[in-house]
């Protein structure tokens, strides 16, 4: 069973729905596994909980 973890900032549910569909399709194609076996976890982090280039993302 492939398990995929995606870490990102908050997105709309429609965007996440499409992301899960496309990631699943990529694993099905690459591994020849059934779609039901692909598990996708989305972990979302608000802008105040991560930084880039030495600055908090919320401050950029």
PDB file of N, CA and C in Angstrom:
ATOM      1  N   UNK A   1       0.848  -1.175   0.000  1.00  0.00           N
ATOM      2  CA  UNK A   1       0.000   0.000   0.000  1.00  0.00           C
ATOM      3  C   UNK A   1       0.897   1.243   0.000  1.00  0.00           C
ATOM      4  N   UNK A   2       0.902   2.013  -1.085  1.00  0.00           N
ATOM      5  CA  UNK A   2       1.651   3.269  -1.095  1.00  0.00           C
ATOM      6  C   UNK A   2       1.000   4.290  -0.153  1.00  0.00           C
ATOM      7  N   UNK A   3       1.839   4.968   0.611  1.00  0.00           N
ATOM      8  CA  UNK A   3       1.378   6.034   1.490  1.00  0.00           C
ATOM      9  C   UNK A   3       2.123   7.301   1.109  1.00  0.00           C
ATOM     10  N   UNK A   4       1.381   8.347   0.797  1.00  0.00           N
ATOM     11  CA  UNK A   4       1.951   9.623   0.365  1.00  0.00           C
ATOM     12  C   UNK A   4       1.591  10.682   1.392  1.00  0.00           C
ATOM     13  N   UNK A   5       2.587  11.459   1.836  1.00  0.00           N
ATOM     14  CA  UNK A   5       2.336  12.566   2.742  1.00  0.00           C
ATOM     15  C   UNK A   5       2.677  13.865   2.027  1.00  0.00           C
ATOM     16  N   UNK A   6       1.729  14.784   1.993  1.00  0.00           N
ATOM     17  CA  UNK A   6       1.921  16.089   1.368  1.00  0.00           C
ATOM     18  C   UNK A   6       1.830  17.140   2.460  1.00  0.00           C
ATOM     19  N   UNK A   7       2.865  17.952   2.569  1.00  0.00           N
ATOM     20  CA  UNK A   7       2.864  19.042   3.538  1.00  0.00           C
ATOM     21  C   UNK A   7       2.762  20.344   2.755  1.00  0.00           C
ATOM     22  N   UNK A   8       1.814  21.185   3.143  1.00  0.00           N
ATOM     23  CA  UNK A   8       1.580  22.416   2.396  1.00  0.00           C
ATOM     24  C   UNK A   8       0.851  23.427   3.262  1.00  0.00           C
ATOM     25  N   UNK A   9       0.740  24.627   2.736  1.00  0.00           N
ATOM     26  CA  UNK A   9      -0.103  25.638   3.353  1.00  0.00           C
ATOM     27  C   UNK A   9      -1.557  25.327   3.050  1.00  0.00           C
ATOM     28  N   UNK A  10      -2.469  25.991   3.720  1.00  0.00           N
ATOM     29  CA  UNK A  10      -3.900  25.730   3.516  1.00  0.00           C
ATOM     30  C   UNK A  10      -4.336  25.944   2.065  1.00  0.00           C
ATOM     31  N   UNK A  11      -5.176  25.052   1.584  1.00  0.00           N
ATOM     32  CA  UNK A  11      -5.744  25.138   0.244  1.00  0.00           C
ATOM     33  C   UNK A  11      -7.248  24.886   0.324  1.00  0.00           C
ATOM     34  N   UNK A  12      -7.943  25.256  -0.716  1.00  0.00           N
ATOM     35  CA  UNK A  12      -9.385  25.007  -0.809  1.00  0.00           C
ATOM     36  C   UNK A  12      -9.630  23.505  -0.986  1.00  0.00           C
ATOM     37  N   UNK A  13     -10.777  23.036  -0.530  1.00  0.00           N
ATOM     38  CA  UNK A  13     -11.089  21.611  -0.598  1.00  0.00           C
ATOM     39  C   UNK A  13     -11.097  21.106  -2.046  1.00  0.00           C
ATOM     40  N   UNK A  14     -11.526  21.920  -2.999  1.00  0.00           N
ATOM     41  CA  UNK A  14     -11.523  21.494  -4.403  1.00  0.00           C
ATOM     42  C   UNK A  14     -10.094  21.255  -4.901  1.00  0.00           C
ATOM     43  N   UNK A  15      -9.166  22.098  -4.477  1.00  0.00           N
ATOM     44  CA  UNK A  15      -7.765  21.920  -4.863  1.00  0.00           C
ATOM     45  C   UNK A  15      -7.206  20.635  -4.261  1.00  0.00           C
ATOM     46  N   UNK A  16      -7.542  20.374  -3.011  1.00  0.00           N
ATOM     47  CA  UNK A  16      -7.066  19.150  -2.364  1.00  0.00           C
ATOM     48  C   UNK A  16      -7.682  17.918  -3.022  1.00  0.00           C
ATOM     49  N   UNK A  17      -8.922  18.005  -3.399  1.00  0.00           N
ATOM     50  CA  UNK A  17      -9.600  16.891  -4.068  1.00  0.00           C
ATOM     51  C   UNK A  17      -8.878  16.545  -5.371  1.00  0.00           C
ATOM     52  N   UNK A  18      -8.567  17.570  -6.165  1.00  0.00           N
ATOM     53  CA  UNK A  18      -7.860  17.350  -7.425  1.00  0.00           C
ATOM     54  C   UNK A  18      -6.447  16.817  -7.180  1.00  0.00           C
ATOM     55  N   UNK A  19      -5.769  17.344  -6.177  1.00  0.00           N
ATOM     56  CA  UNK A  19      -4.426  16.887  -5.843  1.00  0.00           C
ATOM     57  C   UNK A  19      -4.424  15.404  -5.503  1.00  0.00           C
ATOM     58  N   UNK A  20      -5.361  14.982  -4.667  1.00  0.00           N
ATOM     59  CA  UNK A  20      -5.452  13.570  -4.285  1.00  0.00           C
ATOM     60  C   UNK A  20      -5.735  12.703  -5.504  1.00  0.00           C
ATOM     61  N   UNK A  21      -6.604  13.149  -6.379  1.00  0.00           N
ATOM     62  CA  UNK A  21      -6.914  12.388  -7.601  1.00  0.00           C
ATOM     63  C   UNK A  21      -5.670  12.226  -8.466  1.00  0.00           C
ATOM     64  N   UNK A  22      -4.922  13.311  -8.659  1.00  0.00           N
ATOM     65  CA  UNK A  22      -3.748  13.258  -9.540  1.00  0.00           C
ATOM     66  C   UNK A  22      -2.599  12.461  -8.936  1.00  0.00           C
ATOM     67  N   UNK A  23      -2.376  12.618  -7.646  1.00  0.00           N
ATOM     68  CA  UNK A  23      -1.321  11.849  -6.986  1.00  0.00           C
ATOM     69  C   UNK A  23      -1.654  10.361  -7.045  1.00  0.00           C
ATOM     70  N   UNK A  24      -2.892  10.025  -6.779  1.00  0.00           N
ATOM     71  CA  UNK A  24      -3.317   8.634  -6.854  1.00  0.00           C
ATOM     72  C   UNK A  24      -3.107   8.079  -8.254  1.00  0.00           C
ATOM     73  N   UNK A  25      -3.509   8.823  -9.271  1.00  0.00           N
ATOM     74  CA  UNK A  25      -3.345   8.382 -10.658  1.00  0.00           C
ATOM     75  C   UNK A  25      -1.870   8.151 -10.999  1.00  0.00           C
ATOM     76  N   UNK A  26      -0.995   9.018 -10.505  1.00  0.00           N
ATOM     77  CA  UNK A  26       0.440   8.865 -10.773  1.00  0.00           C
ATOM     78  C   UNK A  26       0.978   7.570 -10.155  1.00  0.00           C
ATOM     79  N   UNK A  27       0.551   7.251  -8.937  1.00  0.00           N
ATOM     80  CA  UNK A  27       0.998   6.016  -8.294  1.00  0.00           C
ATOM     81  C   UNK A  27       0.428   4.790  -9.005  1.00  0.00           C
ATOM     82  N   UNK A  28      -0.811   4.864  -9.423  1.00  0.00           N
ATOM     83  CA  UNK A  28      -1.425   3.753 -10.154  1.00  0.00           C
ATOM     84  C   UNK A  28      -0.647   3.492 -11.443  1.00  0.00           C
ATOM     85  N   UNK A  29      -0.297   4.550 -12.150  1.00  0.00           N
ATOM     86  CA  UNK A  29       0.448   4.410 -13.407  1.00  0.00           C
ATOM     87  C   UNK A  29       1.867   3.889 -13.164  1.00  0.00           C
ATOM     88  N   UNK A  30       2.563   4.455 -12.195  1.00  0.00           N
ATOM     89  CA  UNK A  30       3.963   4.098 -11.955  1.00  0.00           C
ATOM     90  C   UNK A  30       4.132   2.718 -11.327  1.00  0.00           C
ATOM     91  N   UNK A  31       3.225   2.340 -10.442  1.00  0.00           N
ATOM     92  CA  UNK A  31       3.380   1.101  -9.686  1.00  0.00           C
ATOM     93  C   UNK A  31       2.419  -0.007 -10.103  1.00  0.00           C
ATOM     94  N   UNK A  32       1.507   0.298 -11.019  1.00  0.00           N
ATOM     95  CA  UNK A  32       0.499  -0.672 -11.456  1.00  0.00           C
ATOM     96  C   UNK A  32      -0.256  -1.252 -10.256  1.00  0.00           C
ATOM     97  N   UNK A  33      -0.646  -0.366  -9.357  1.00  0.00           N
ATOM     98  CA  UNK A  33      -1.394  -0.793  -8.176  1.00  0.00           C
ATOM     99  C   UNK A  33      -2.831  -0.278  -8.284  1.00  0.00           C
ATOM    100  N   UNK A  34      -3.754  -0.876  -7.569  1.00  0.00           N
ATOM    101  CA  UNK A  34      -5.134  -0.388  -7.624  1.00  0.00           C
ATOM    102  C   UNK A  34      -5.267   0.940  -6.880  1.00  0.00           C
ATOM    103  N   UNK A  35      -6.119   1.836  -7.362  1.00  0.00           N
ATOM    104  CA  UNK A  35      -6.293   3.130  -6.715  1.00  0.00           C
ATOM    105  C   UNK A  35      -6.687   3.016  -5.248  1.00  0.00           C
ATOM    106  N   UNK A  36      -7.422   1.975  -4.908  1.00  0.00           N
ATOM    107  CA  UNK A  36      -7.868   1.797  -3.527  1.00  0.00           C
ATOM    108  C   UNK A  36      -6.711   1.550  -2.566  1.00  0.00           C
ATOM    109  N   UNK A  37      -5.558   1.203  -3.095  1.00  0.00           N
ATOM    110  CA  UNK A  37      -4.416   0.907  -2.232  1.00  0.00           C
ATOM    111  C   UNK A  37      -3.566   2.145  -1.929  1.00  0.00           C
ATOM    112  N   UNK A  38      -3.839   3.261  -2.599  1.00  0.00           N
ATOM    113  CA  UNK A  38      -3.044   4.476  -2.416  1.00  0.00           C
ATOM    114  C   UNK A  38      -3.669   5.339  -1.322  1.00  0.00           C
ATOM    115  N   UNK A  39      -2.878   5.625  -0.295  1.00  0.00           N
ATOM    116  CA  UNK A  39      -3.331   6.446   0.822  1.00  0.00           C
ATOM    117  C   UNK A  39      -2.598   7.789   0.754  1.00  0.00           C
ATOM    118  N   UNK A  40      -3.339   8.885   0.730  1.00  0.00           N
ATOM    119  CA  UNK A  40      -2.755  10.224   0.642  1.00  0.00           C
ATOM    120  C   UNK A  40      -3.115  11.004   1.904  1.00  0.00           C
ATOM    121  N   UNK A  41      -2.098  11.489   2.614  1.00  0.00           N
ATOM    122  CA  UNK A  41      -2.274  12.334   3.797  1.00  0.00           C
ATOM    123  C   UNK A  41      -1.900  13.751   3.410  1.00  0.00           C
ATOM    124  N   UNK A  42      -2.727  14.703   3.747  1.00  0.00           N
ATOM    125  CA  UNK A  42      -2.405  16.115   3.528  1.00  0.00           C
ATOM    126  C   UNK A  42      -2.287  16.778   4.895  1.00  0.00           C
ATOM    127  N   UNK A  43      -1.107  17.302   5.156  1.00  0.00           N
ATOM    128  CA  UNK A  43      -0.870  18.029   6.399  1.00  0.00           C
ATOM    129  C   UNK A  43      -0.743  19.506   6.036  1.00  0.00           C
ATOM    130  N   UNK A  44      -1.617  20.315   6.594  1.00  0.00           N
ATOM    131  CA  UNK A  44      -1.611  21.743   6.284  1.00  0.00           C
ATOM    132  C   UNK A  44      -1.072  22.550   7.460  1.00  0.00           C
ATOM    133  N   UNK A  45      -0.282  23.545   7.107  1.00  0.00           N
ATOM    134  CA  UNK A  45       0.341  24.393   8.104  1.00  0.00           C
ATOM    135  C   UNK A  45       0.021  25.848   7.794  1.00  0.00           C
ATOM    136  N   UNK A  46      -0.561  26.584   8.725  1.00  0.00           N
ATOM    137  CA  UNK A  46      -0.824  28.007   8.515  1.00  0.00           C
ATOM    138  C   UNK A  46       0.495  28.765   8.323  1.00  0.00           C
ATOM    139  N   UNK A  47       0.407  29.908   7.666  1.00  0.00           N
ATOM    140  CA  UNK A  47       1.598  30.700   7.343  1.00  0.00           C
ATOM    141  C   UNK A  47       2.395  31.096   8.580  1.00  0.00           C
ATOM    142  N   UNK A  48       1.755  31.194   9.734  1.00  0.00           N
ATOM    143  CA  UNK A  48       2.499  31.574  10.944  1.00  0.00           C
ATOM    144  C   UNK A  48       3.258  30.394  11.553  1.00  0.00           C
ATOM    145  N   UNK A  49       3.131  29.208  10.959  1.00  0.00           N
ATOM    146  CA  UNK A  49       3.798  28.022  11.507  1.00  0.00           C
ATOM    147  C   UNK A  49       4.985  27.537  10.680  1.00  0.00           C
ATOM    148  N   UNK A  50       5.450  28.328   9.708  1.00  0.00           N
ATOM    149  CA  UNK A  50       6.621  27.927   8.940  1.00  0.00           C
ATOM    150  C   UNK A  50       7.293  29.157   8.349  1.00  0.00           C
ATOM    151  N   UNK A  51       8.539  28.976   7.961  1.00  0.00           N
ATOM    152  CA  UNK A  51       9.311  30.102   7.449  1.00  0.00           C
ATOM    153  C   UNK A  51      10.109  29.725   6.220  1.00  0.00           C
ATOM    154  N   UNK A  52      10.603  30.747   5.539  1.00  0.00           N
ATOM    155  CA  UNK A  52      11.416  30.567   4.339  1.00  0.00           C
ATOM    156  C   UNK A  52      12.400  31.724   4.277  1.00  0.00           C
ATOM    157  N   UNK A  53      13.643  31.420   3.995  1.00  0.00           N
ATOM    158  CA  UNK A  53      14.644  32.460   3.863  1.00  0.00           C
ATOM    159  C   UNK A  53      14.887  33.235   5.152  1.00  0.00           C
ATOM    160  N   UNK A  54      14.706  32.582   6.290  1.00  0.00           N
ATOM    161  CA  UNK A  54      14.954  33.224   7.567  1.00  0.00           C
ATOM    162  C   UNK A  54      13.823  34.089   8.073  1.00  0.00           C
ATOM    163  N   UNK A  55      12.677  34.073   7.377  1.00  0.00           N
ATOM    164  CA  UNK A  55      11.535  34.877   7.797  1.00  0.00           C
ATOM    165  C   UNK A  55      10.290  34.011   7.906  1.00  0.00           C
ATOM    166  N   UNK A  56       9.469  34.354   8.850  1.00  0.00           N
ATOM    167  CA  UNK A  56       8.186  33.681   8.996  1.00  0.00           C
ATOM    168  C   UNK A  56       7.342  33.971   7.751  1.00  0.00           C
ATOM    169  N   UNK A  57       6.749  32.950   7.188  1.00  0.00           N
ATOM    170  CA  UNK A  57       5.976  33.108   5.957  1.00  0.00           C
ATOM    171  C   UNK A  57       4.839  34.121   6.135  1.00  0.00           C
ATOM    172  N   UNK A  58       4.250  34.168   7.301  1.00  0.00           N
ATOM    173  CA  UNK A  58       3.163  35.109   7.565  1.00  0.00           C
ATOM    174  C   UNK A  58       3.629  36.575   7.453  1.00  0.00           C
ATOM    175  N   UNK A  59       4.936  36.801   7.629  1.00  0.00           N
ATOM    176  CA  UNK A  59       5.477  38.159   7.575  1.00  0.00           C
ATOM    177  C   UNK A  59       5.930  38.567   6.178  1.00  0.00           C
ATOM    178  N   UNK A  60       5.870  37.684   5.236  1.00  0.00           N
ATOM    179  CA  UNK A  60       6.349  38.002   3.882  1.00  0.00           C
ATOM    180  C   UNK A  60       5.241  38.531   3.017  1.00  0.00           C
TER     181      UNK A  60
END
